[in-house]
Amino acid sequence: MSDLENRRAFQDWEQSSTARVIRPARPRKLAKVPFVELAEGRLQGVVSSGSDIERVYVSSVAAGTYAFACSTNNNRPCGGARGTFCNHIRALVTEAVLQYGPERVARYLKIETADGERDAASLAQAMTDTRPSQADSSAAAAVFSRFLRHLAYLELAPATAPVPEMQWFPPTRAVA
C-alpha cells in the first residue's frame, strides 16, 4: 500500500465507529499465553501455569512506570513476582511482541531502548533496569473477565448473522 492509500484508509477509519482489526505481527501459539492486550495503560493478559494445567495467571505491566502485577485468576499472588518480573510477565512481553511487534509494544509502554534491534528480551530488560515497583492486582478480575468473554466467542458456530450482544455496533456503511 502506498502512503497516500494508507492515509486514506486511516482517515476512513477515523470517521468510522468500528474498530480496526490488526493482524498479528507474527503468528503465535496460544497455549502458553492465550490472551494478551495493550489496554487501559497496561500490557496485560492471561498466562498458563507451567506447573498446573488448571491454573492461569493474570499478569500486567503499566506503561511508563512498569509497575507489574501477577496473580492467579483467584487473586492469589504469584510466587515468582517478588521484586522483579516473574516468568509469567516475561512470557506476556514475549507474546505481546509477537502479537503487536516490538515497536508498538515499546511505544505503548514508553520503553526507551538503545539503538539497535528491539526484541522481547531487550524490552523486558529495559523495564527491569528501572527497578519497577510491584502493583496491586485489582485489574486482574476485569482482564480475566475479558479473556472469558473471548473464549465464549470461540464456542459460537460460524455464521454470518450478527451476534446479538454486538448489534449496538453501527453498520460500516450508511444506508442510501
Protein backbone atom coordinates (compact mmCIF):
# COMPACT_ATOMS: atom_id res chain seq x y z
CA MET A 1 0.00 0.00 0.00
CA SER A 2 1.31 3.47 -0.83
CA ASP A 3 1.49 6.30 1.72
CA LEU A 4 -1.50 8.00 0.12
CA GLU A 5 -3.57 4.81 0.34
CA ASN A 6 -2.50 4.34 3.95
CA ARG A 7 -3.52 7.90 4.84
CA ARG A 8 -6.90 7.48 3.14
CA ALA A 9 -7.51 4.18 4.93
CA PHE A 10 -6.58 5.81 8.25
CA GLN A 11 -8.87 8.78 7.57
CA ASP A 12 -11.70 6.38 6.72
CA TRP A 13 -11.03 4.54 9.96
CA GLU A 14 -11.09 7.79 11.96
CA GLN A 15 -14.53 8.58 10.51
CA SER A 16 -15.85 5.11 11.29
CA SER A 17 -17.07 3.98 14.66
CA THR A 18 -15.95 0.41 14.17
CA ALA A 19 -12.70 -0.98 15.50
CA ARG A 20 -9.86 -1.89 13.21
CA VAL A 21 -8.62 -5.44 13.42
CA ILE A 22 -4.87 -5.55 13.17
CA ARG A 23 -3.21 -8.77 12.07
CA PRO A 24 -0.58 -10.19 14.42
CA ALA A 25 2.98 -9.17 13.61
CA ARG A 26 3.85 -12.87 13.60
CA PRO A 27 1.79 -15.99 14.26
CA ARG A 28 1.90 -17.13 17.85
CA LYS A 29 0.89 -20.23 19.77
CA LEU A 30 -1.88 -19.68 22.27
CA ALA A 31 -1.08 -22.50 24.71
CA LYS A 32 1.25 -20.51 27.00
CA VAL A 33 -0.32 -17.03 26.66
CA PRO A 34 -3.87 -17.37 25.37
CA PHE A 35 -4.79 -13.70 25.86
CA VAL A 36 -2.65 -10.57 25.52
CA GLU A 37 -3.72 -6.96 25.06
CA LEU A 38 -2.45 -3.41 25.19
CA ALA A 39 -5.27 -1.69 27.05
CA GLU A 40 -6.03 0.63 29.95
CA GLY A 41 -2.44 1.91 30.02
CA ARG A 42 -1.04 -1.56 30.55
CA LEU A 43 0.26 -4.61 28.80
CA GLN A 44 -1.98 -7.26 30.31
CA GLY A 45 -3.06 -10.80 29.70
CA VAL A 46 -3.57 -14.37 30.84
CA VAL A 47 -0.63 -16.77 31.11
CA SER A 48 -0.88 -20.52 31.67
CA SER A 49 0.87 -22.00 34.67
CA GLY A 50 3.96 -24.01 33.93
CA SER A 51 3.25 -26.46 36.74
CA ASP A 52 -0.55 -26.83 36.95
CA ILE A 53 -2.67 -27.24 33.81
CA GLU A 54 -5.76 -25.95 35.64
CA ARG A 55 -4.13 -22.70 36.85
CA VAL A 56 -3.68 -19.46 34.95
CA TYR A 57 -2.10 -16.18 35.95
CA VAL A 58 -3.29 -12.69 35.14
CA SER A 59 -0.23 -10.51 34.57
CA SER A 60 0.21 -6.85 33.75
CA VAL A 61 2.85 -4.15 33.28
CA ALA A 62 1.91 -0.46 33.49
CA ALA A 63 3.01 1.91 30.74
CA GLY A 64 5.68 4.39 31.78
CA THR A 65 6.26 3.17 35.35
CA TYR A 66 6.45 -0.55 34.50
CA ALA A 67 4.72 -1.35 37.79
CA PHE A 68 3.89 -5.04 37.50
CA ALA A 69 1.32 -7.41 38.91
CA CYS A 70 0.86 -11.14 38.63
CA SER A 71 -1.70 -13.28 40.40
CA THR A 72 -3.81 -16.33 39.77
CA ASN A 73 -7.31 -15.94 38.43
CA ASN A 74 -8.40 -16.49 42.07
CA ASN A 75 -6.32 -13.44 43.09
CA ARG A 76 -3.56 -15.38 44.83
CA PRO A 77 -0.16 -13.71 44.37
CA CYS A 78 2.43 -15.21 42.06
CA GLY A 79 5.35 -16.66 44.00
CA GLY A 80 7.85 -15.61 41.32
CA ALA A 81 6.95 -11.90 41.19
CA ARG A 82 8.89 -10.84 44.27
CA GLY A 83 10.61 -7.59 43.47
CA THR A 84 11.12 -8.28 39.78
CA PHE A 85 9.33 -9.66 36.73
CA CYS A 86 8.32 -13.29 37.05
CA ASN A 87 8.37 -15.79 34.20
CA HIS A 88 4.67 -15.13 33.53
CA ILE A 89 5.33 -11.45 32.86
CA ARG A 90 8.32 -12.26 30.67
CA ALA A 91 6.15 -14.69 28.67
CA LEU A 92 3.50 -11.97 28.37
CA VAL A 93 6.06 -9.50 26.98
CA THR A 94 7.33 -12.13 24.52
CA GLU A 95 3.83 -12.87 23.22
CA ALA A 96 2.94 -9.16 23.04
CA VAL A 97 5.97 -8.62 20.79
CA LEU A 98 4.79 -11.48 18.57
CA GLN A 99 1.22 -10.14 18.52
CA TYR A 100 1.88 -6.41 18.09
CA GLY A 101 5.53 -6.11 17.07
CA PRO A 102 8.36 -4.72 19.20
CA GLU A 103 7.96 -1.10 18.07
CA ARG A 104 4.29 -0.90 19.01
CA VAL A 105 4.86 -2.56 22.40
CA ALA A 106 7.79 -0.24 23.15
CA ARG A 107 5.80 2.82 22.09
CA TYR A 108 2.73 1.83 24.14
CA LEU A 109 4.73 1.03 27.27
CA LYS A 110 7.01 4.07 26.76
CA ILE A 111 10.18 1.99 26.80
CA GLU A 112 13.42 3.75 25.94
CA THR A 113 15.95 1.33 24.50
CA ALA A 114 19.38 1.79 22.97
CA ASP A 115 19.58 1.95 19.20
CA GLY A 116 19.53 -1.42 17.55
CA GLU A 117 17.30 -4.43 17.25
CA ARG A 118 14.36 -4.45 19.63
CA ASP A 119 13.09 -7.80 20.85
CA ALA A 120 11.15 -9.10 23.83
CA ALA A 121 14.27 -9.73 25.91
CA SER A 122 15.66 -6.22 25.38
CA LEU A 123 12.27 -4.63 26.17
CA ALA A 124 11.91 -6.68 29.37
CA GLN A 125 15.48 -5.85 30.35
CA ALA A 126 14.95 -2.12 29.77
CA MET A 127 11.89 -2.23 32.03
CA THR A 128 13.54 -4.26 34.81
CA ASP A 129 16.60 -1.98 34.76
CA THR A 130 14.36 0.80 36.13
CA ARG A 131 13.55 -1.40 39.16
CA PRO A 132 9.78 -1.08 38.85
CA SER A 133 7.53 -1.46 41.85
CA GLN A 134 5.02 -4.22 42.35
CA ALA A 135 1.46 -3.01 41.70
CA ASP A 136 -1.76 -4.28 43.17
CA SER A 137 -3.65 -6.90 41.22
CA SER A 138 -7.01 -5.10 41.26
CA ALA A 139 -7.25 -5.13 37.44
CA ALA A 140 -6.92 -8.92 37.29
CA ALA A 141 -10.66 -9.57 37.58
CA ALA A 142 -11.52 -7.31 34.63
CA VAL A 143 -8.75 -8.77 32.47
CA PHE A 144 -9.78 -12.34 33.27
CA SER A 145 -13.42 -11.48 32.57
CA ARG A 146 -12.48 -10.17 29.09
CA PHE A 147 -10.49 -13.34 28.49
CA LEU A 148 -13.52 -15.47 29.38
CA ARG A 149 -15.66 -13.35 27.03
CA HIS A 150 -13.21 -14.06 24.20
CA LEU A 151 -13.40 -17.77 24.96
CA ALA A 152 -17.19 -17.64 24.75
CA TYR A 153 -16.94 -16.32 21.17
CA LEU A 154 -14.86 -19.36 20.22
CA GLU A 155 -17.76 -21.60 21.19
CA LEU A 156 -20.12 -19.95 18.71
CA ALA A 157 -20.78 -21.78 15.48
CA PRO A 158 -19.53 -19.95 12.38
CA ALA A 159 -22.31 -17.77 10.99
CA THR A 160 -22.81 -14.60 9.00
CA ALA A 161 -25.72 -13.39 11.15
CA PRO A 162 -24.98 -10.63 13.68
CA VAL A 163 -24.05 -11.60 17.21
CA PRO A 164 -26.90 -10.20 19.37
CA GLU A 165 -24.70 -8.66 22.04
CA MET A 166 -22.67 -6.82 19.40
CA GLN A 167 -25.59 -5.37 17.47
CA TRP A 168 -25.05 -1.98 19.05
CA PHE A 169 -22.14 -1.53 16.63
CA PRO A 170 -23.38 0.60 13.74
CA PRO A 171 -23.07 -0.67 10.18
CA THR A 172 -19.81 0.25 8.46
CA ARG A 173 -21.59 1.95 5.59
CA ALA A 174 -24.51 4.36 5.58
CA VAL A 175 -27.75 3.10 4.08
CA ALA A 176 -28.75 5.11 0.98
